Amino acid sequence: MTDERADRLFETLADHTRREIVQLLGQRPHRAGELAKATGTSAPAMSRHLRVLLSAGLVTDERVPDDARVRIFRLRPESLTAAQAWLDQVQAHWNEQLQSFKRHAERKEPRP
């Protein structure tokens, strides 16, 4: 994951409502109105949040064949997989650093 992509992803998820939307979409696909109701958000505000999530590549939408006005939103789990891989790398680095510090601190060196 590039730094630019990571920045965009974490900037997008910095908003509490967008994180809540991602959690809801992780359970199942939803219509925008369902998401607005579940999060206590107005329809225009939900539209803005969904636009940001779509732009960041975290969600996709599809039109219902019988009614072009209705869109169903779905989570793109692969977009979060990239973030998880990046976080795993960061965690591995710090685990290594902490293990090194632990070994250093546990050395039995005589004090003068």
Protein backbone atom coordinates (compact mmCIF):
# COMPACT_ATOMS: atom_id res chain seq x y z
CA MET A 1 0.00 0.00 0.00
CA THR A 2 1.47 3.34 -1.01
CA ASP A 3 1.72 6.16 1.50
CA GLU A 4 -0.76 8.18 -0.54
CA ARG A 5 -3.30 5.34 -0.55
CA ALA A 6 -2.81 4.74 3.18
CA ASP A 7 -3.26 8.46 3.87
CA ARG A 8 -6.48 8.50 1.85
CA LEU A 9 -7.85 5.39 3.54
CA PHE A 10 -7.13 6.54 7.08
CA GLU A 11 -8.36 10.06 6.32
CA THR A 12 -11.61 8.56 5.06
CA LEU A 13 -11.97 6.33 8.11
CA ALA A 14 -11.13 9.14 10.54
CA ASP A 15 -14.80 10.11 10.50
CA HIS A 16 -16.93 8.23 13.04
CA THR A 17 -20.00 8.06 10.77
CA ARG A 18 -17.99 6.60 7.90
CA ARG A 19 -16.52 3.96 10.20
CA GLU A 20 -20.06 3.11 11.31
CA ILE A 21 -21.15 2.83 7.66
CA VAL A 22 -18.23 0.48 6.94
CA GLN A 23 -19.25 -1.67 9.92
CA LEU A 24 -22.87 -1.81 8.75
CA LEU A 25 -21.84 -2.69 5.19
CA GLY A 26 -19.57 -5.39 6.60
CA GLN A 27 -22.72 -7.14 7.84
CA ARG A 28 -24.66 -6.91 4.57
CA PRO A 29 -25.37 -4.55 1.63
CA HIS A 30 -27.65 -1.58 2.37
CA ARG A 31 -29.55 1.18 0.62
CA ALA A 32 -28.50 4.73 1.44
CA GLY A 33 -31.75 5.37 3.30
CA GLU A 34 -31.17 2.34 5.52
CA LEU A 35 -27.69 3.58 6.33
CA ALA A 36 -28.95 7.08 7.08
CA LYS A 37 -31.59 5.74 9.45
CA ALA A 38 -29.16 3.36 11.19
CA THR A 39 -26.60 6.10 11.76
CA GLY A 40 -29.04 8.90 12.57
CA THR A 41 -27.75 10.92 9.61
CA SER A 42 -29.74 13.05 7.17
CA ALA A 43 -30.05 11.88 3.56
CA PRO A 44 -27.84 14.71 2.19
CA ALA A 45 -25.14 14.00 4.80
CA MET A 46 -25.29 10.27 4.03
CA SER A 47 -24.92 11.04 0.34
CA ARG A 48 -21.73 13.00 1.08
CA HIS A 49 -20.32 10.21 3.26
CA LEU A 50 -21.07 7.59 0.62
CA ARG A 51 -19.46 9.74 -2.07
CA VAL A 52 -16.26 9.91 0.03
CA LEU A 53 -16.32 6.14 0.65
CA LEU A 54 -16.89 5.45 -3.05
CA SER A 55 -14.08 7.79 -4.03
CA ALA A 56 -11.70 6.09 -1.58
CA GLY A 57 -12.62 2.69 -3.03
CA LEU A 58 -14.00 1.33 0.24
CA VAL A 59 -17.50 0.71 -1.09
CA THR A 60 -19.20 0.00 -4.40
CA ASP A 61 -22.73 0.69 -5.51
CA GLU A 62 -25.10 -0.90 -7.96
CA ARG A 63 -28.43 0.18 -9.32
CA VAL A 64 -31.48 -2.01 -8.79
CA PRO A 65 -32.62 -3.19 -12.26
CA ASP A 66 -36.29 -2.39 -11.66
CA ASP A 67 -35.71 1.07 -10.18
CA ALA A 68 -32.75 3.15 -11.37
CA ARG A 69 -33.24 5.55 -8.45
CA VAL A 70 -32.31 2.88 -5.90
CA ARG A 71 -28.67 2.02 -5.26
CA ILE A 72 -27.36 -0.78 -3.10
CA PHE A 73 -24.02 -0.15 -1.38
CA ARG A 74 -21.55 -2.92 -0.60
CA LEU A 75 -18.27 -3.00 1.27
CA ARG A 76 -15.15 -3.80 -0.79
CA PRO A 77 -13.36 -6.05 1.72
CA GLU A 78 -10.18 -6.12 -0.40
CA SER A 79 -9.71 -2.40 0.28
CA LEU A 80 -9.52 -3.14 3.99
CA THR A 81 -7.23 -6.12 3.40
CA ALA A 82 -4.59 -3.75 2.04
CA ALA A 83 -4.91 -1.60 5.16
CA GLN A 84 -4.65 -4.67 7.39
CA ALA A 85 -1.50 -5.77 5.56
CA TRP A 86 0.04 -2.34 6.14
CA LEU A 87 -0.91 -2.42 9.83
CA ASP A 88 0.57 -5.93 10.13
CA GLN A 89 3.88 -4.61 8.75
CA VAL A 90 3.90 -1.76 11.26
CA GLN A 91 3.08 -4.15 14.10
CA ALA A 92 5.82 -6.58 13.03
CA HIS A 93 8.35 -3.75 13.02
CA TRP A 94 7.41 -2.63 16.52
CA ASN A 95 7.31 -6.20 17.83
CA GLU A 96 10.87 -6.64 16.56
CA GLN A 97 11.94 -3.35 18.16
CA LEU A 98 10.37 -4.30 21.49
CA GLN A 99 11.97 -7.74 21.45
CA SER A 100 15.34 -6.14 20.81
CA PHE A 101 14.81 -3.74 23.70
CA LYS A 102 13.72 -6.62 25.95
CA ARG A 103 16.89 -8.59 25.13
CA HIS A 104 18.98 -5.50 25.84
CA ALA A 105 17.23 -4.82 29.16
CA GLU A 106 17.54 -8.43 30.30
CA ARG A 107 21.28 -8.66 29.74
CA LYS A 108 23.07 -9.48 32.94
CA GLU A 109 25.86 -6.94 32.86
CA PRO A 110 27.67 -6.27 36.09
CA ARG A 111 27.39 -2.77 37.43
CA PRO A 112 30.58 -0.97 38.51
